[in-house]
Amino acid sequence: MFEPSSRYASIAQATLELPDGREVRHVRRRFLPQGSALPVLAEVTVTDSDRLDLVAARTLGDPELFWRVADANDAMNPFDLVAEPGAVLHVPVPQAGA
């Protein structure tokens, strides 16, 4: 259902039966890891023109892994991470199956 690099790839799926008998398949809730518990690959200083996908592409080799950077910095809103030039972001070591 999801690409292997997706944050939802390892999350279990479930089925909900609606009152009218229809079944709706969905992904269970994803719990965010503690950013401080993730091993750090690099620290990146945000510039004026940075976007999180660009940071992920430069450091992890894939712009779609932006969510790993957000997780490592305990960000509920990824846009906040690059809003302030000069901020330092932690880029995590990629974890298999995470």
N, C-alpha and C. Protein backbone atom coordinates (compact mmCIF):
# COMPACT_ATOMS: atom_id res chain seq x y z
N MET A 1 0.81 -1.19 0.00
CA MET A 1 0.00 0.00 0.00
C MET A 1 0.87 1.27 0.00
N PHE A 2 1.97 1.24 0.75
CA PHE A 2 2.86 2.39 0.83
C PHE A 2 4.24 2.02 0.31
N GLU A 3 4.95 3.03 -0.20
CA GLU A 3 6.34 2.82 -0.62
C GLU A 3 7.17 2.42 0.60
N PRO A 4 8.22 1.63 0.41
CA PRO A 4 9.05 1.21 1.54
C PRO A 4 9.66 2.37 2.33
N SER A 5 9.88 3.52 1.69
CA SER A 5 10.46 4.67 2.38
C SER A 5 9.42 5.53 3.11
N SER A 6 8.16 5.17 2.99
CA SER A 6 7.09 5.94 3.63
C SER A 6 7.11 5.77 5.15
N ARG A 7 6.75 6.81 5.84
CA ARG A 7 6.66 6.73 7.31
C ARG A 7 5.57 5.78 7.75
N TYR A 8 4.67 5.42 6.86
CA TYR A 8 3.56 4.52 7.19
C TYR A 8 3.78 3.08 6.75
N ALA A 9 4.90 2.79 6.10
CA ALA A 9 5.14 1.46 5.54
C ALA A 9 5.09 0.35 6.59
N SER A 10 5.57 0.61 7.78
CA SER A 10 5.61 -0.44 8.80
C SER A 10 4.44 -0.38 9.79
N ILE A 11 3.48 0.51 9.54
CA ILE A 11 2.34 0.64 10.43
C ILE A 11 1.25 -0.36 10.05
N ALA A 12 0.70 -1.02 11.03
CA ALA A 12 -0.35 -2.02 10.78
C ALA A 12 -1.61 -1.37 10.21
N GLN A 13 -2.32 -2.16 9.42
CA GLN A 13 -3.59 -1.70 8.87
C GLN A 13 -4.73 -2.33 9.65
N ALA A 14 -5.88 -1.69 9.60
CA ALA A 14 -7.06 -2.20 10.30
C ALA A 14 -8.28 -1.95 9.42
N THR A 15 -9.37 -2.61 9.78
CA THR A 15 -10.62 -2.44 9.05
C THR A 15 -11.70 -2.03 10.04
N LEU A 16 -12.47 -1.03 9.66
CA LEU A 16 -13.56 -0.54 10.48
C LEU A 16 -14.86 -0.84 9.75
N GLU A 17 -15.79 -1.48 10.44
CA GLU A 17 -17.09 -1.75 9.83
C GLU A 17 -18.05 -0.64 10.21
N LEU A 18 -18.62 0.00 9.19
CA LEU A 18 -19.56 1.10 9.39
C LEU A 18 -20.95 0.54 9.69
N PRO A 19 -21.83 1.35 10.28
CA PRO A 19 -23.18 0.88 10.62
C PRO A 19 -23.95 0.30 9.42
N ASP A 20 -23.67 0.79 8.22
CA ASP A 20 -24.38 0.29 7.04
C ASP A 20 -23.74 -0.97 6.45
N GLY A 21 -22.71 -1.51 7.13
CA GLY A 21 -22.08 -2.75 6.70
C GLY A 21 -20.85 -2.57 5.83
N ARG A 22 -20.62 -1.36 5.35
CA ARG A 22 -19.41 -1.14 4.55
C ARG A 22 -18.19 -1.24 5.44
N GLU A 23 -17.09 -1.67 4.83
CA GLU A 23 -15.83 -1.75 5.57
C GLU A 23 -14.87 -0.70 5.03
N VAL A 24 -14.21 -0.02 5.94
CA VAL A 24 -13.22 1.00 5.58
C VAL A 24 -11.88 0.54 6.11
N ARG A 25 -10.93 0.39 5.21
CA ARG A 25 -9.58 -0.01 5.60
C ARG A 25 -8.76 1.24 5.89
N HIS A 26 -7.97 1.22 6.94
CA HIS A 26 -7.17 2.39 7.32
C HIS A 26 -5.88 1.95 7.98
N VAL A 27 -4.98 2.89 8.10
CA VAL A 27 -3.71 2.65 8.77
C VAL A 27 -3.86 3.07 10.23
N ARG A 28 -3.36 2.25 11.10
CA ARG A 28 -3.42 2.59 12.53
C ARG A 28 -2.57 3.83 12.80
N ARG A 29 -2.71 4.37 13.98
CA ARG A 29 -2.00 5.58 14.36
C ARG A 29 -0.49 5.35 14.40
N ARG A 30 0.24 6.34 13.93
CA ARG A 30 1.71 6.30 13.99
C ARG A 30 2.15 7.13 15.19
N PHE A 31 2.89 6.51 16.09
CA PHE A 31 3.40 7.21 17.25
C PHE A 31 4.78 7.76 16.92
N LEU A 32 5.00 9.02 17.23
CA LEU A 32 6.28 9.67 16.92
C LEU A 32 7.35 9.21 17.90
N PRO A 33 8.56 8.99 17.38
CA PRO A 33 9.66 8.63 18.27
C PRO A 33 10.16 9.87 19.02
N GLN A 34 10.87 9.64 20.09
CA GLN A 34 11.53 10.74 20.79
C GLN A 34 12.75 11.13 19.96
N GLY A 35 12.78 12.35 19.49
CA GLY A 35 13.88 12.81 18.65
C GLY A 35 15.23 12.67 19.32
N SER A 36 15.27 12.91 20.61
CA SER A 36 16.55 12.84 21.34
C SER A 36 17.07 11.41 21.43
N ALA A 37 16.22 10.42 21.18
CA ALA A 37 16.64 9.02 21.25
C ALA A 37 17.20 8.52 19.92
N LEU A 38 17.05 9.30 18.86
CA LEU A 38 17.53 8.88 17.54
C LEU A 38 19.00 9.26 17.37
N PRO A 39 19.82 8.33 16.87
CA PRO A 39 21.22 8.66 16.63
C PRO A 39 21.34 9.72 15.53
N VAL A 40 22.24 10.67 15.72
CA VAL A 40 22.39 11.80 14.79
C VAL A 40 23.46 11.50 13.74
N LEU A 41 23.08 11.66 12.48
CA LEU A 41 23.99 11.52 11.35
C LEU A 41 24.73 12.82 11.10
N ALA A 42 23.98 13.94 11.17
CA ALA A 42 24.56 15.26 10.88
C ALA A 42 23.72 16.34 11.53
N GLU A 43 24.33 17.51 11.66
CA GLU A 43 23.62 18.71 12.08
C GLU A 43 23.69 19.69 10.92
N VAL A 44 22.56 20.30 10.60
CA VAL A 44 22.47 21.21 9.46
C VAL A 44 21.97 22.55 9.94
N THR A 45 22.64 23.62 9.52
CA THR A 45 22.19 24.98 9.84
C THR A 45 21.28 25.46 8.72
N VAL A 46 20.09 25.87 9.08
CA VAL A 46 19.07 26.31 8.11
C VAL A 46 19.49 27.63 7.48
N THR A 47 19.33 27.73 6.15
CA THR A 47 19.59 28.97 5.42
C THR A 47 18.27 29.58 4.96
N ASP A 48 18.34 30.79 4.39
CA ASP A 48 17.13 31.49 3.93
C ASP A 48 16.33 30.68 2.92
N SER A 49 17.00 29.95 2.06
CA SER A 49 16.31 29.26 0.97
C SER A 49 16.04 27.78 1.25
N ASP A 50 16.28 27.32 2.46
CA ASP A 50 16.10 25.90 2.77
C ASP A 50 14.63 25.51 2.86
N ARG A 51 14.40 24.28 2.41
CA ARG A 51 13.14 23.59 2.62
C ARG A 51 13.50 22.23 3.18
N LEU A 52 12.60 21.63 3.89
CA LEU A 52 12.91 20.36 4.54
C LEU A 52 13.21 19.26 3.53
N ASP A 53 12.53 19.27 2.38
CA ASP A 53 12.83 18.26 1.37
C ASP A 53 14.24 18.44 0.81
N LEU A 54 14.70 19.67 0.71
CA LEU A 54 16.07 19.93 0.24
C LEU A 54 17.10 19.45 1.25
N VAL A 55 16.82 19.68 2.52
CA VAL A 55 17.72 19.21 3.58
C VAL A 55 17.81 17.68 3.54
N ALA A 56 16.66 17.02 3.39
CA ALA A 56 16.63 15.55 3.33
C ALA A 56 17.37 15.04 2.10
N ALA A 57 17.20 15.71 0.97
CA ALA A 57 17.89 15.29 -0.26
C ALA A 57 19.40 15.40 -0.10
N ARG A 58 19.87 16.50 0.49
CA ARG A 58 21.31 16.71 0.66
C ARG A 58 21.93 15.73 1.64
N THR A 59 21.22 15.43 2.71
CA THR A 59 21.82 14.64 3.78
C THR A 59 21.46 13.17 3.74
N LEU A 60 20.25 12.84 3.30
CA LEU A 60 19.79 11.45 3.29
C LEU A 60 19.67 10.87 1.88
N GLY A 61 19.84 11.76 0.86
CA GLY A 61 19.78 11.28 -0.51
C GLY A 61 18.40 11.11 -1.09
N ASP A 62 17.36 11.51 -0.36
CA ASP A 62 15.99 11.34 -0.83
C ASP A 62 15.11 12.43 -0.22
N PRO A 63 14.55 13.31 -1.04
CA PRO A 63 13.73 14.39 -0.50
C PRO A 63 12.47 13.89 0.22
N GLU A 64 12.01 12.69 -0.13
CA GLU A 64 10.80 12.16 0.51
C GLU A 64 11.05 11.67 1.93
N LEU A 65 12.30 11.70 2.37
CA LEU A 65 12.62 11.31 3.75
C LEU A 65 12.62 12.50 4.70
N PHE A 66 12.01 13.61 4.26
CA PHE A 66 11.91 14.81 5.11
C PHE A 66 11.32 14.48 6.47
N TRP A 67 10.43 13.51 6.52
CA TRP A 67 9.75 13.15 7.76
C TRP A 67 10.72 12.62 8.81
N ARG A 68 11.83 12.03 8.37
CA ARG A 68 12.83 11.55 9.34
C ARG A 68 13.49 12.73 10.06
N VAL A 69 13.73 13.81 9.31
CA VAL A 69 14.32 15.02 9.91
C VAL A 69 13.30 15.63 10.88
N ALA A 70 12.04 15.66 10.48
CA ALA A 70 11.00 16.19 11.37
C ALA A 70 10.93 15.38 12.66
N ASP A 71 10.96 14.05 12.53
CA ASP A 71 10.93 13.18 13.72
C ASP A 71 12.11 13.45 14.64
N ALA A 72 13.30 13.59 14.07
CA ALA A 72 14.51 13.78 14.88
C ALA A 72 14.51 15.11 15.63
N ASN A 73 13.68 16.05 15.16
CA ASN A 73 13.62 17.37 15.79
C ASN A 73 12.30 17.60 16.52
N ASP A 74 11.56 16.52 16.77
CA ASP A 74 10.29 16.58 17.51
C ASP A 74 9.34 17.61 16.93
N ALA A 75 9.25 17.66 15.61
CA ALA A 75 8.42 18.68 14.96
C ALA A 75 7.06 18.11 14.57
N MET A 76 6.01 18.70 15.08
CA MET A 76 4.67 18.35 14.65
C MET A 76 4.33 19.08 13.34
N ASN A 77 4.92 20.26 13.15
CA ASN A 77 4.73 21.03 11.92
C ASN A 77 6.10 21.16 11.25
N PRO A 78 6.36 20.38 10.21
CA PRO A 78 7.68 20.40 9.56
C PRO A 78 8.10 21.78 9.04
N PHE A 79 7.14 22.61 8.66
CA PHE A 79 7.47 23.94 8.13
C PHE A 79 8.17 24.80 9.19
N ASP A 80 7.88 24.56 10.44
CA ASP A 80 8.51 25.33 11.52
C ASP A 80 10.03 25.13 11.55
N LEU A 81 10.49 23.95 11.12
CA LEU A 81 11.91 23.63 11.20
C LEU A 81 12.78 24.53 10.34
N VAL A 82 12.26 25.00 9.22
CA VAL A 82 13.06 25.82 8.31
C VAL A 82 12.59 27.27 8.27
N ALA A 83 11.74 27.65 9.20
CA ALA A 83 11.19 29.00 9.23
C ALA A 83 12.22 30.03 9.69
N GLU A 84 13.18 29.62 10.50
CA GLU A 84 14.15 30.55 11.08
C GLU A 84 15.57 30.23 10.61
N PRO A 85 16.12 31.04 9.70
CA PRO A 85 17.50 30.83 9.27
C PRO A 85 18.44 30.86 10.48
N GLY A 86 19.40 29.96 10.47
CA GLY A 86 20.34 29.86 11.57
C GLY A 86 20.01 28.76 12.55
N ALA A 87 18.77 28.26 12.49
CA ALA A 87 18.39 27.15 13.36
C ALA A 87 19.21 25.92 12.98
N VAL A 88 19.51 25.09 13.95
CA VAL A 88 20.28 23.87 13.70
C VAL A 88 19.34 22.66 13.77
N LEU A 89 19.36 21.86 12.70
CA LEU A 89 18.53 20.67 12.64
C LEU A 89 19.38 19.42 12.83
N HIS A 90 18.83 18.47 13.52
CA HIS A 90 19.46 17.15 13.65
C HIS A 90 18.93 16.27 12.53
N VAL A 91 19.83 15.64 11.81
CA VAL A 91 19.45 14.68 10.77
C VAL A 91 19.79 13.31 11.33
N PRO A 92 18.79 12.42 11.42
CA PRO A 92 19.03 11.13 12.05
C PRO A 92 19.69 10.12 11.12
N VAL A 93 20.35 9.15 11.72
CA VAL A 93 20.86 8.02 10.97
C VAL A 93 19.63 7.23 10.52
N PRO A 94 19.52 6.91 9.23
CA PRO A 94 18.37 6.14 8.76
C PRO A 94 18.27 4.81 9.49
N GLN A 95 17.08 4.48 9.95
CA GLN A 95 16.82 3.24 10.67
C GLN A 95 16.04 2.30 9.77
N ALA A 96 16.48 1.08 9.66
CA ALA A 96 15.78 0.10 8.84
C ALA A 96 14.39 -0.15 9.40
N GLY A 97 13.39 -0.12 8.53
CA GLY A 97 12.02 -0.43 8.93
C GLY A 97 11.36 0.64 9.77
N ALA A 98 11.99 1.81 9.90
CA ALA A 98 11.39 2.86 10.73
C ALA A 98 10.87 3.98 9.86
